[in-house]
Amino acid sequence: MAVRFYDDALTEKIKSWVKDKNMKVLKPSETSRLFQLQADESLDKPLTLPLIAISRDSEFTILNTAKKSLTYDGGHIEASHKKSELLNGIPIRLSYQLDIYCKYFNEADEYVRNFIFNIINYPTVHITIPYNDANIVHDSTLILESTVADLSDIPERLISGQFTRMTIRMVIDDAYLFSVPFMKNWNIEYSGNIQIDEDFIEEKGEN
């Protein structure tokens, strides 16, 4: 499903803001299979902190069920005499959750502060649309929801001991499901001679 492009782009954006090499950032597909990932990497031993887990709501909203042509709305696609490519999109809304796990409250609190400023100051999410080798770059906007929750009291079996868990909610309400169809162009070739009536040209030029 094409929403994975937004998952990957958001994950890379979050990773670029994290300077701690020990901080592990899980993208939505990894978070959803956290139990399997945990078993593969550490033989069922508890996850180590700090940790960031990005998750996406299992449901997303289709804002308009009619497709929209984006070719002339900023989507540039090369065209040749043999074929023309189009860029179509169906607008959707995606909701994300950013869970920050740290051993100490002060550490988690600093991450929350930095993420809030970065999301507000640098909200653009760049995705690349690969269909038919188009590789079109599309920009969407990350919107921070107003409530930040401290969910430290909720038990987490994969993390041992005391820890702090802070949760930030975000949405992308200008996302799209993309399609890049192409169609062949017809060429008309004429091998004969074309004669131009000079009197006709003069007559047209006077009008």
N, C-alpha and C. Protein backbone atom coordinates (compact mmCIF):
# COMPACT_ATOMS: atom_id res chain seq x y z
N MET A 1 0.84 -1.20 0.00
CA MET A 1 0.00 0.00 0.00
C MET A 1 0.88 1.25 0.00
N ALA A 2 0.48 2.29 -0.68
CA ALA A 2 1.33 3.45 -0.89
C ALA A 2 1.57 4.28 0.36
N VAL A 3 0.82 4.03 1.43
CA VAL A 3 1.05 4.81 2.65
C VAL A 3 2.42 4.51 3.24
N ARG A 4 3.04 3.42 2.82
CA ARG A 4 4.38 3.08 3.33
C ARG A 4 5.40 4.15 2.94
N PHE A 5 5.15 4.86 1.84
CA PHE A 5 6.07 5.93 1.45
C PHE A 5 6.12 7.01 2.52
N TYR A 6 4.96 7.31 3.10
CA TYR A 6 4.91 8.30 4.17
C TYR A 6 5.53 7.76 5.45
N ASP A 7 5.32 6.46 5.72
CA ASP A 7 5.94 5.84 6.90
C ASP A 7 7.46 5.96 6.83
N ASP A 8 8.01 5.62 5.68
CA ASP A 8 9.47 5.65 5.53
C ASP A 8 10.01 7.07 5.60
N ALA A 9 9.31 8.00 4.96
CA ALA A 9 9.77 9.39 4.95
C ALA A 9 9.73 9.99 6.35
N LEU A 10 8.67 9.71 7.10
CA LEU A 10 8.57 10.23 8.45
C LEU A 10 9.65 9.62 9.35
N THR A 11 9.90 8.33 9.18
CA THR A 11 10.95 7.68 9.98
C THR A 11 12.31 8.30 9.73
N GLU A 12 12.64 8.53 8.47
CA GLU A 12 13.93 9.15 8.15
C GLU A 12 14.02 10.56 8.71
N LYS A 13 12.91 11.26 8.71
CA LYS A 13 12.89 12.61 9.27
C LYS A 13 13.16 12.59 10.77
N ILE A 14 12.50 11.68 11.47
CA ILE A 14 12.71 11.55 12.92
C ILE A 14 14.15 11.15 13.21
N LYS A 15 14.68 10.20 12.44
CA LYS A 15 16.06 9.76 12.65
C LYS A 15 17.05 10.91 12.47
N SER A 16 16.78 11.79 11.53
CA SER A 16 17.70 12.91 11.29
C SER A 16 17.74 13.89 12.46
N TRP A 17 16.70 13.87 13.30
CA TRP A 17 16.66 14.75 14.46
C TRP A 17 17.29 14.13 15.70
N VAL A 18 17.56 12.84 15.65
CA VAL A 18 18.11 12.13 16.81
C VAL A 18 19.62 12.06 16.69
N LYS A 19 20.31 12.61 17.66
CA LYS A 19 21.78 12.65 17.63
C LYS A 19 22.40 11.53 18.46
N ASP A 20 21.63 10.91 19.33
CA ASP A 20 22.14 9.84 20.17
C ASP A 20 22.24 8.55 19.35
N LYS A 21 23.43 8.03 19.17
CA LYS A 21 23.63 6.81 18.39
C LYS A 21 23.01 5.59 19.05
N ASN A 22 22.79 5.67 20.36
CA ASN A 22 22.20 4.54 21.08
C ASN A 22 20.67 4.51 20.98
N MET A 23 20.08 5.59 20.46
CA MET A 23 18.64 5.68 20.35
C MET A 23 18.16 4.89 19.13
N LYS A 24 17.32 3.89 19.37
CA LYS A 24 16.77 3.09 18.28
C LYS A 24 15.44 3.68 17.87
N VAL A 25 15.23 3.85 16.55
CA VAL A 25 13.98 4.39 16.02
C VAL A 25 13.30 3.31 15.20
N LEU A 26 12.11 2.91 15.64
CA LEU A 26 11.34 1.88 14.94
C LEU A 26 10.29 2.54 14.06
N LYS A 27 10.27 2.16 12.77
CA LYS A 27 9.24 2.68 11.88
C LYS A 27 7.94 1.91 12.09
N PRO A 28 6.81 2.39 11.55
CA PRO A 28 5.52 1.76 11.83
C PRO A 28 5.47 0.27 11.58
N SER A 29 6.05 -0.20 10.49
CA SER A 29 6.00 -1.64 10.20
C SER A 29 6.77 -2.44 11.25
N GLU A 30 7.84 -1.86 11.80
CA GLU A 30 8.62 -2.53 12.84
C GLU A 30 7.90 -2.49 14.18
N THR A 31 7.25 -1.36 14.45
CA THR A 31 6.52 -1.25 15.71
C THR A 31 5.36 -2.23 15.76
N SER A 32 4.69 -2.42 14.61
CA SER A 32 3.53 -3.31 14.58
C SER A 32 3.92 -4.77 14.81
N ARG A 33 5.15 -5.13 14.49
CA ARG A 33 5.62 -6.49 14.73
C ARG A 33 6.73 -6.49 15.78
N LEU A 34 6.54 -5.69 16.80
CA LEU A 34 7.57 -5.49 17.82
C LEU A 34 7.95 -6.79 18.52
N PHE A 35 6.97 -7.64 18.77
CA PHE A 35 7.27 -8.89 19.45
C PHE A 35 8.18 -9.76 18.59
N GLN A 36 7.91 -9.84 17.29
CA GLN A 36 8.74 -10.63 16.40
C GLN A 36 10.13 -10.05 16.29
N LEU A 37 10.23 -8.73 16.17
CA LEU A 37 11.51 -8.05 16.06
C LEU A 37 12.33 -8.29 17.32
N GLN A 38 11.68 -8.21 18.48
CA GLN A 38 12.35 -8.42 19.73
C GLN A 38 12.96 -9.82 19.81
N ALA A 39 12.21 -10.84 19.39
CA ALA A 39 12.70 -12.21 19.44
C ALA A 39 13.88 -12.42 18.50
N ASP A 40 13.82 -11.79 17.32
CA ASP A 40 14.88 -11.97 16.33
C ASP A 40 16.19 -11.34 16.78
N GLU A 41 16.12 -10.17 17.43
CA GLU A 41 17.32 -9.41 17.70
C GLU A 41 17.99 -9.75 19.03
N SER A 42 17.21 -10.10 20.03
CA SER A 42 17.82 -10.27 21.34
C SER A 42 17.34 -11.50 22.09
N LEU A 43 16.79 -12.47 21.34
CA LEU A 43 16.38 -13.73 21.94
C LEU A 43 15.44 -13.51 23.12
N ASP A 44 14.45 -12.66 22.90
CA ASP A 44 13.40 -12.39 23.88
C ASP A 44 13.87 -11.64 25.12
N LYS A 45 15.06 -11.09 25.08
CA LYS A 45 15.49 -10.26 26.20
C LYS A 45 14.80 -8.91 26.08
N PRO A 46 14.60 -8.20 27.20
CA PRO A 46 13.90 -6.91 27.15
C PRO A 46 14.63 -5.90 26.26
N LEU A 47 13.85 -5.02 25.63
CA LEU A 47 14.44 -3.96 24.82
C LEU A 47 15.20 -3.00 25.72
N THR A 48 16.25 -2.43 25.15
CA THR A 48 17.05 -1.46 25.90
C THR A 48 16.61 -0.05 25.56
N LEU A 49 16.79 0.85 26.49
CA LEU A 49 16.41 2.24 26.32
C LEU A 49 17.65 3.08 26.06
N PRO A 50 17.51 4.23 25.38
CA PRO A 50 16.27 4.87 24.92
C PRO A 50 15.76 4.25 23.61
N LEU A 51 14.47 4.49 23.36
CA LEU A 51 13.80 3.89 22.20
C LEU A 51 12.69 4.82 21.73
N ILE A 52 12.57 4.94 20.41
CA ILE A 52 11.46 5.68 19.81
C ILE A 52 10.69 4.72 18.92
N ALA A 53 9.39 4.64 19.11
CA ALA A 53 8.54 3.77 18.31
C ALA A 53 7.51 4.64 17.58
N ILE A 54 7.54 4.59 16.25
CA ILE A 54 6.58 5.34 15.43
C ILE A 54 5.49 4.36 15.00
N SER A 55 4.25 4.72 15.24
CA SER A 55 3.14 3.88 14.81
C SER A 55 2.13 4.71 14.03
N ARG A 56 1.39 4.04 13.16
CA ARG A 56 0.35 4.70 12.38
C ARG A 56 -0.98 4.01 12.66
N ASP A 57 -2.03 4.79 12.78
CA ASP A 57 -3.35 4.21 12.98
C ASP A 57 -3.64 3.21 11.88
N SER A 58 -4.22 2.08 12.24
CA SER A 58 -4.50 1.04 11.25
C SER A 58 -5.50 1.50 10.20
N GLU A 59 -6.34 2.47 10.56
CA GLU A 59 -7.30 3.02 9.62
C GLU A 59 -6.82 4.40 9.16
N PHE A 60 -7.02 4.70 7.88
CA PHE A 60 -6.77 6.05 7.39
C PHE A 60 -8.01 6.55 6.68
N THR A 61 -8.13 7.86 6.56
CA THR A 61 -9.34 8.48 6.03
C THR A 61 -9.15 8.88 4.57
N ILE A 62 -10.07 8.44 3.72
CA ILE A 62 -10.10 8.90 2.33
C ILE A 62 -10.90 10.20 2.30
N LEU A 63 -10.25 11.30 1.99
CA LEU A 63 -10.90 12.61 2.06
C LEU A 63 -11.80 12.87 0.87
N ASN A 64 -11.51 12.24 -0.25
CA ASN A 64 -12.34 12.41 -1.45
C ASN A 64 -12.18 11.15 -2.28
N THR A 65 -13.29 10.51 -2.61
CA THR A 65 -13.22 9.25 -3.34
C THR A 65 -13.00 9.44 -4.84
N ALA A 66 -12.99 10.67 -5.31
CA ALA A 66 -12.73 10.94 -6.72
C ALA A 66 -11.24 11.24 -6.91
N LYS A 67 -10.64 10.66 -7.93
CA LYS A 67 -9.23 10.92 -8.18
C LYS A 67 -9.05 12.35 -8.70
N LYS A 68 -7.88 12.89 -8.44
CA LYS A 68 -7.56 14.25 -8.84
C LYS A 68 -6.28 14.23 -9.67
N SER A 69 -6.32 14.93 -10.79
CA SER A 69 -5.12 15.01 -11.61
C SER A 69 -4.15 16.00 -10.97
N LEU A 70 -2.93 15.53 -10.69
CA LEU A 70 -1.92 16.38 -10.05
C LEU A 70 -0.82 16.78 -11.03
N THR A 71 -0.96 16.41 -12.28
CA THR A 71 0.08 16.70 -13.26
C THR A 71 0.34 18.20 -13.38
N TYR A 72 -0.71 18.98 -13.27
CA TYR A 72 -0.56 20.43 -13.41
C TYR A 72 -0.65 21.15 -12.07
N ASP A 73 -0.56 20.38 -10.97
CA ASP A 73 -0.56 20.97 -9.64
C ASP A 73 0.78 20.74 -8.95
N GLY A 74 1.85 20.90 -9.69
CA GLY A 74 3.17 20.77 -9.10
C GLY A 74 3.85 19.45 -9.39
N GLY A 75 3.13 18.50 -9.97
CA GLY A 75 3.74 17.23 -10.31
C GLY A 75 4.26 17.28 -11.74
N HIS A 76 5.58 17.32 -11.89
CA HIS A 76 6.17 17.45 -13.23
C HIS A 76 6.58 16.07 -13.73
N ILE A 77 6.06 15.68 -14.87
CA ILE A 77 6.38 14.39 -15.47
C ILE A 77 6.87 14.62 -16.89
N GLU A 78 7.96 13.93 -17.22
CA GLU A 78 8.50 14.06 -18.57
C GLU A 78 7.56 13.41 -19.58
N ALA A 79 7.45 14.04 -20.73
CA ALA A 79 6.64 13.49 -21.82
C ALA A 79 7.50 13.45 -23.08
N SER A 80 7.29 12.42 -23.89
CA SER A 80 8.03 12.30 -25.14
C SER A 80 7.03 12.11 -26.28
N HIS A 81 7.53 12.02 -27.50
CA HIS A 81 6.63 11.84 -28.64
C HIS A 81 6.03 10.44 -28.65
N LYS A 82 6.59 9.52 -27.83
CA LYS A 82 6.08 8.14 -27.79
C LYS A 82 5.03 7.94 -26.72
N LYS A 83 5.18 8.60 -25.56
CA LYS A 83 4.21 8.39 -24.49
C LYS A 83 4.10 9.63 -23.61
N SER A 84 2.98 9.72 -22.88
CA SER A 84 2.76 10.79 -21.91
C SER A 84 2.40 10.14 -20.58
N GLU A 85 2.99 10.65 -19.50
CA GLU A 85 2.71 10.14 -18.17
C GLU A 85 1.85 11.13 -17.40
N LEU A 86 0.92 10.61 -16.62
CA LEU A 86 0.04 11.43 -15.81
C LEU A 86 0.31 11.14 -14.34
N LEU A 87 -0.05 12.09 -13.49
CA LEU A 87 0.05 11.89 -12.05
C LEU A 87 -1.33 12.11 -11.45
N ASN A 88 -1.92 11.04 -10.94
CA ASN A 88 -3.23 11.11 -10.31
C ASN A 88 -3.10 10.80 -8.82
N GLY A 89 -3.97 11.40 -8.03
CA GLY A 89 -3.93 11.16 -6.60
C GLY A 89 -5.32 11.17 -5.98
N ILE A 90 -5.48 10.38 -4.93
CA ILE A 90 -6.69 10.38 -4.11
C ILE A 90 -6.28 10.88 -2.74
N PRO A 91 -6.82 12.01 -2.27
CA PRO A 91 -6.39 12.60 -1.00
C PRO A 91 -6.80 11.76 0.20
N ILE A 92 -5.86 11.59 1.13
CA ILE A 92 -6.11 10.82 2.34
C ILE A 92 -5.53 11.56 3.55
N ARG A 93 -5.93 11.12 4.72
CA ARG A 93 -5.43 11.67 5.99
C ARG A 93 -4.83 10.55 6.81
N LEU A 94 -3.57 10.74 7.25
CA LEU A 94 -2.85 9.73 8.03
C LEU A 94 -2.60 10.25 9.45
N SER A 95 -2.75 9.37 10.42
CA SER A 95 -2.51 9.73 11.83
C SER A 95 -1.37 8.90 12.38
N TYR A 96 -0.42 9.56 13.04
CA TYR A 96 0.77 8.89 13.57
C TYR A 96 0.89 9.14 15.08
N GLN A 97 1.59 8.22 15.72
CA GLN A 97 1.90 8.35 17.14
C GLN A 97 3.39 8.12 17.33
N LEU A 98 4.02 9.01 18.09
CA LEU A 98 5.44 8.93 18.38
C LEU A 98 5.61 8.65 19.87
N ASP A 99 6.07 7.44 20.22
CA ASP A 99 6.29 7.05 21.61
C ASP A 99 7.77 7.12 21.93
N ILE A 100 8.11 7.88 22.94
CA ILE A 100 9.50 8.08 23.35
C ILE A 100 9.70 7.36 24.68
N TYR A 101 10.53 6.33 24.70
CA TYR A 101 10.83 5.56 25.91
C TYR A 101 12.23 5.93 26.40
N CYS A 102 12.32 6.38 27.62
CA CYS A 102 13.61 6.70 28.24
C CYS A 102 13.60 6.21 29.68
N LYS A 103 14.79 6.01 30.22
CA LYS A 103 14.88 5.54 31.59
C LYS A 103 14.51 6.64 32.57
N TYR A 104 14.87 7.87 32.23
CA TYR A 104 14.64 8.99 33.14
C TYR A 104 13.71 10.01 32.51
N PHE A 105 12.92 10.66 33.34
CA PHE A 105 11.95 11.65 32.87
C PHE A 105 12.65 12.82 32.19
N ASN A 106 13.75 13.31 32.77
CA ASN A 106 14.42 14.49 32.21
C ASN A 106 14.88 14.24 30.76
N GLU A 107 15.35 13.01 30.49
CA GLU A 107 15.80 12.68 29.14
C GLU A 107 14.62 12.68 28.17
N ALA A 108 13.52 12.04 28.56
CA ALA A 108 12.33 12.01 27.70
C ALA A 108 11.76 13.40 27.50
N ASP A 109 11.80 14.20 28.54
CA ASP A 109 11.28 15.57 28.47
C ASP A 109 12.06 16.40 27.45
N GLU A 110 13.37 16.20 27.38
CA GLU A 110 14.20 16.93 26.41
C GLU A 110 13.89 16.49 24.99
N TYR A 111 13.68 15.20 24.80
CA TYR A 111 13.33 14.71 23.47
C TYR A 111 11.99 15.30 23.02
N VAL A 112 11.03 15.33 23.92
CA VAL A 112 9.72 15.91 23.59
C VAL A 112 9.86 17.36 23.18
N ARG A 113 10.62 18.12 23.95
CA ARG A 113 10.81 19.54 23.63
C ARG A 113 11.42 19.71 22.24
N ASN A 114 12.47 18.93 21.95
CA ASN A 114 13.13 19.04 20.65
C ASN A 114 12.21 18.63 19.50
N PHE A 115 11.46 17.56 19.70
CA PHE A 115 10.56 17.11 18.64
C PHE A 115 9.47 18.13 18.37
N ILE A 116 8.93 18.74 19.41
CA ILE A 116 7.88 19.75 19.22
C ILE A 116 8.39 20.91 18.38
N PHE A 117 9.58 21.40 18.72
CA PHE A 117 10.13 22.51 17.95
C PHE A 117 10.44 22.09 16.51
N ASN A 118 11.01 20.90 16.32
CA ASN A 118 11.35 20.46 14.97
C ASN A 118 10.13 20.23 14.10
N ILE A 119 9.08 19.63 14.68
CA ILE A 119 7.86 19.40 13.90
C ILE A 119 7.22 20.71 13.49
N ILE A 120 7.20 21.67 14.39
CA ILE A 120 6.60 22.98 14.09
C ILE A 120 7.44 23.75 13.08
N ASN A 121 8.77 23.72 13.26
CA ASN A 121 9.65 24.52 12.40
C ASN A 121 9.93 23.84 11.05
N TYR A 122 9.94 22.52 11.03
CA TYR A 122 10.29 21.79 9.80
C TYR A 122 9.23 20.71 9.53
N PRO A 123 8.03 21.12 9.15
CA PRO A 123 6.93 20.16 9.02
C PRO A 123 6.86 19.41 7.69
N THR A 124 7.67 19.79 6.73
CA THR A 124 7.55 19.20 5.40
C THR A 124 8.09 17.78 5.37
N VAL A 125 7.30 16.89 4.80
CA VAL A 125 7.70 15.49 4.61
C VAL A 125 7.84 15.24 3.12
N HIS A 126 9.03 14.84 2.69
CA HIS A 126 9.29 14.60 1.27
C HIS A 126 9.16 13.11 0.97
N ILE A 127 8.33 12.78 0.00
CA ILE A 127 8.25 11.38 -0.44
C ILE A 127 8.56 11.32 -1.93
N THR A 128 9.06 10.17 -2.36
CA THR A 128 9.37 9.95 -3.77
C THR A 128 8.41 8.91 -4.33
N ILE A 129 7.73 9.25 -5.42
CA ILE A 129 6.75 8.36 -6.05
C ILE A 129 7.48 7.56 -7.13
N PRO A 130 7.64 6.25 -6.93
CA PRO A 130 8.49 5.46 -7.83
C PRO A 130 7.77 4.86 -9.03
N TYR A 131 6.46 4.91 -9.09
CA TYR A 131 5.71 4.17 -10.10
C TYR A 131 6.15 4.53 -11.52
N ASN A 132 6.29 3.49 -12.36
CA ASN A 132 6.74 3.65 -13.75
C ASN A 132 8.05 4.44 -13.84
N ASP A 133 8.88 4.30 -12.79
CA ASP A 133 10.18 4.97 -12.73
C ASP A 133 10.06 6.49 -12.83
N ALA A 134 8.92 7.02 -12.38
CA ALA A 134 8.71 8.47 -12.45
C ALA A 134 9.61 9.20 -11.45
N ASN A 135 9.74 8.66 -10.22
CA ASN A 135 10.57 9.24 -9.16
C ASN A 135 10.24 10.72 -8.92
N ILE A 136 8.96 10.98 -8.80
CA ILE A 136 8.49 12.35 -8.55
C ILE A 136 8.55 12.62 -7.05
N VAL A 137 9.04 13.79 -6.68
CA VAL A 137 9.11 14.18 -5.27
C VAL A 137 7.85 14.97 -4.93
N HIS A 138 7.14 14.50 -3.92
CA HIS A 138 5.93 15.17 -3.46
C HIS A 138 6.11 15.59 -2.02
N ASP A 139 5.64 16.77 -1.67
CA ASP A 139 5.77 17.30 -0.31
C ASP A 139 4.41 17.32 0.38
N SER A 140 4.39 16.82 1.61
CA SER A 140 3.22 16.92 2.47
C SER A 140 3.62 17.58 3.77
N THR A 141 2.63 17.92 4.59
CA THR A 141 2.90 18.69 5.80
C THR A 141 2.50 17.89 7.04
N LEU A 142 3.42 17.82 7.98
CA LEU A 142 3.20 17.16 9.26
C LEU A 142 2.61 18.16 10.24
N ILE A 143 1.48 17.80 10.84
CA ILE A 143 0.78 18.69 11.77
C ILE A 143 0.81 18.09 13.17
N LEU A 144 1.28 18.86 14.12
CA LEU A 144 1.39 18.41 15.51
C LEU A 144 0.05 18.59 16.22
N GLU A 145 -0.42 17.52 16.86
CA GLU A 145 -1.62 17.66 17.67
C GLU A 145 -1.28 18.29 19.01
N SER A 146 -2.25 18.92 19.63
CA SER A 146 -1.98 19.80 20.76
C SER A 146 -1.67 19.08 22.08
N THR A 147 -2.04 17.82 22.21
CA THR A 147 -1.87 17.11 23.49
C THR A 147 -0.65 16.20 23.46
N VAL A 148 0.21 16.35 24.47
CA VAL A 148 1.34 15.44 24.69
C VAL A 148 1.04 14.65 25.96
N ALA A 149 1.10 13.32 25.87
CA ALA A 149 0.68 12.48 26.99
C ALA A 149 1.87 11.80 27.64
N ASP A 150 1.83 11.69 28.96
CA ASP A 150 2.78 10.92 29.74
C ASP A 150 2.11 9.59 30.08
N LEU A 151 2.53 8.53 29.40
CA LEU A 151 1.92 7.21 29.57
C LEU A 151 2.85 6.25 30.30
N SER A 152 3.64 6.79 31.19
CA SER A 152 4.62 5.98 31.91
C SER A 152 3.99 4.92 32.78
N ASP A 153 2.76 5.13 33.21
CA ASP A 153 2.10 4.18 34.11
C ASP A 153 1.53 2.96 33.40
N ILE A 154 1.49 3.01 32.05
CA ILE A 154 0.95 1.87 31.30
C ILE A 154 2.01 0.77 31.22
N PRO A 155 1.71 -0.46 31.67
CA PRO A 155 2.71 -1.54 31.66
C PRO A 155 3.18 -1.85 30.24
N GLU A 156 4.45 -2.19 30.11
CA GLU A 156 5.04 -2.58 28.83
C GLU A 156 5.94 -3.78 29.08
N ARG A 157 5.52 -4.93 28.58
CA ARG A 157 6.21 -6.18 28.89
C ARG A 157 7.59 -6.26 28.24
N LEU A 158 7.78 -5.54 27.14
CA LEU A 158 9.04 -5.66 26.42
C LEU A 158 10.15 -4.80 27.01
N ILE A 159 9.80 -3.95 27.97
CA ILE A 159 10.80 -3.06 28.58
C ILE A 159 10.79 -3.33 30.08
N SER A 160 11.93 -3.71 30.61
CA SER A 160 12.01 -4.05 32.02
C SER A 160 12.32 -2.83 32.87
N GLY A 161 11.89 -2.88 34.14
CA GLY A 161 12.21 -1.82 35.09
C GLY A 161 11.37 -0.58 34.90
N GLN A 162 11.75 0.47 35.61
CA GLN A 162 11.05 1.74 35.55
C GLN A 162 11.51 2.52 34.32
N PHE A 163 10.55 3.21 33.68
CA PHE A 163 10.89 4.00 32.51
C PHE A 163 9.85 5.10 32.35
N THR A 164 10.19 6.07 31.50
CA THR A 164 9.27 7.15 31.15
C THR A 164 8.86 6.99 29.70
N ARG A 165 7.55 7.10 29.47
CA ARG A 165 7.03 7.01 28.10
C ARG A 165 6.21 8.26 27.81
N MET A 166 6.68 9.05 26.84
CA MET A 166 5.97 10.25 26.41
C MET A 166 5.44 10.02 24.99
N THR A 167 4.23 10.49 24.74
CA THR A 167 3.58 10.23 23.46
C THR A 167 3.16 11.54 22.78
N ILE A 168 3.56 11.65 21.52
CA ILE A 168 3.20 12.79 20.68
C ILE A 168 2.35 12.28 19.52
N ARG A 169 1.26 12.97 19.22
CA ARG A 169 0.39 12.60 18.10
C ARG A 169 0.58 13.60 16.96
N MET A 170 0.57 13.08 15.72
CA MET A 170 0.74 13.91 14.54
C MET A 170 -0.18 13.42 13.43
N VAL A 171 -0.51 14.32 12.50
CA VAL A 171 -1.32 13.93 11.35
C VAL A 171 -0.71 14.53 10.08
N ILE A 172 -0.97 13.85 8.97
CA ILE A 172 -0.69 14.39 7.64
C ILE A 172 -2.01 14.40 6.90
N ASP A 173 -2.60 15.58 6.73
CA ASP A 173 -3.94 15.65 6.12
C ASP A 173 -3.90 16.07 4.66
N ASP A 174 -2.71 16.12 4.07
CA ASP A 174 -2.60 16.41 2.64
C ASP A 174 -1.81 15.31 1.93
N ALA A 175 -1.99 14.09 2.40
CA ALA A 175 -1.35 12.94 1.77
C ALA A 175 -2.20 12.44 0.60
N TYR A 176 -1.60 11.59 -0.23
CA TYR A 176 -2.31 11.05 -1.39
C TYR A 176 -1.96 9.58 -1.59
N LEU A 177 -2.89 8.84 -2.14
CA LEU A 177 -2.59 7.58 -2.79
C LEU A 177 -2.32 7.92 -4.25
N PHE A 178 -1.17 7.51 -4.78
CA PHE A 178 -0.76 7.96 -6.10
C PHE A 178 -0.90 6.88 -7.16
N SER A 179 -1.10 7.35 -8.39
CA SER A 179 -1.09 6.50 -9.56
C SER A 179 -0.38 7.26 -10.68
N VAL A 180 0.49 6.57 -11.39
CA VAL A 180 1.22 7.21 -12.50
C VAL A 180 1.00 6.39 -13.77
N PRO A 181 -0.18 6.50 -14.37
CA PRO A 181 -0.43 5.78 -15.62
C PRO A 181 0.25 6.50 -16.80
N PHE A 182 0.48 5.77 -17.84
CA PHE A 182 1.00 6.41 -19.05
C PHE A 182 0.23 5.89 -20.26
N MET A 183 0.22 6.71 -21.29
CA MET A 183 -0.47 6.32 -22.51
C MET A 183 0.42 6.62 -23.71
N LYS A 184 0.28 5.78 -24.72
CA LYS A 184 1.07 5.96 -25.94
C LYS A 184 0.51 7.10 -26.76
N ASN A 185 1.40 7.86 -27.36
CA ASN A 185 1.00 8.95 -28.24
C ASN A 185 1.00 8.47 -29.69
N TRP A 186 -0.03 8.90 -30.41
CA TRP A 186 -0.13 8.55 -31.83
C TRP A 186 0.59 9.59 -32.66
N ASN A 187 1.34 9.13 -33.67
CA ASN A 187 2.05 10.01 -34.58
C ASN A 187 1.49 9.84 -36.00
N ILE A 188 1.29 10.95 -36.68
CA ILE A 188 0.83 10.91 -38.06
C ILE A 188 2.00 11.29 -38.97
N GLU A 189 2.37 10.38 -39.83
CA GLU A 189 3.48 10.61 -40.74
C GLU A 189 2.95 10.64 -42.18
N TYR A 190 3.44 11.62 -42.97
CA TYR A 190 3.03 11.76 -44.37
C TYR A 190 4.29 11.87 -45.22
N SER A 191 4.45 10.95 -46.15
CA SER A 191 5.68 10.90 -46.94
C SER A 191 5.57 11.65 -48.27
N GLY A 192 4.38 12.17 -48.60
CA GLY A 192 4.22 12.87 -49.87
C GLY A 192 4.67 14.32 -49.79
N ASN A 193 4.43 15.08 -50.86
CA ASN A 193 4.80 16.49 -50.91
C ASN A 193 3.60 17.35 -50.55
N ILE A 194 3.84 18.39 -49.80
CA ILE A 194 2.78 19.32 -49.41
C ILE A 194 2.96 20.61 -50.21
N GLN A 195 1.93 21.01 -50.96
CA GLN A 195 1.98 22.23 -51.74
C GLN A 195 1.16 23.32 -51.06
N ILE A 196 1.69 24.49 -51.02
CA ILE A 196 1.03 25.62 -50.37
C ILE A 196 0.62 26.62 -51.42
N ASP A 197 -0.64 26.99 -51.43
CA ASP A 197 -1.18 27.97 -52.37
C ASP A 197 -0.79 29.36 -51.89
N GLU A 198 0.09 30.04 -52.65
CA GLU A 198 0.57 31.36 -52.23
C GLU A 198 -0.56 32.37 -52.19
N ASP A 199 -1.54 32.26 -53.12
CA ASP A 199 -2.66 33.20 -53.12
C ASP A 199 -3.47 33.05 -51.84
N PHE A 200 -3.60 31.82 -51.38
CA PHE A 200 -4.36 31.58 -50.15
C PHE A 200 -3.65 32.23 -48.97
N ILE A 201 -2.30 32.16 -48.94
CA ILE A 201 -1.53 32.73 -47.84
C ILE A 201 -1.69 34.26 -47.84
N GLU A 202 -1.61 34.87 -49.02
CA GLU A 202 -1.74 36.31 -49.11
C GLU A 202 -3.12 36.77 -48.68
N GLU A 203 -4.14 36.00 -49.11
CA GLU A 203 -5.50 36.37 -48.77
C GLU A 203 -5.71 36.30 -47.25
N LYS A 204 -5.16 35.26 -46.62
CA LYS A 204 -5.30 35.12 -45.17
C LYS A 204 -4.53 36.19 -44.45
N GLY A 205 -3.42 36.62 -45.03
CA GLY A 205 -2.59 37.63 -44.35
C GLY A 205 -3.23 38.99 -44.34
N GLU A 206 -4.15 39.25 -45.26
CA GLU A 206 -4.78 40.57 -45.32
C GLU A 206 -5.90 40.72 -44.30
N ASN A 207 -6.40 39.63 -43.80
CA ASN A 207 -7.54 39.71 -42.86
C ASN A 207 -7.05 40.00 -41.46
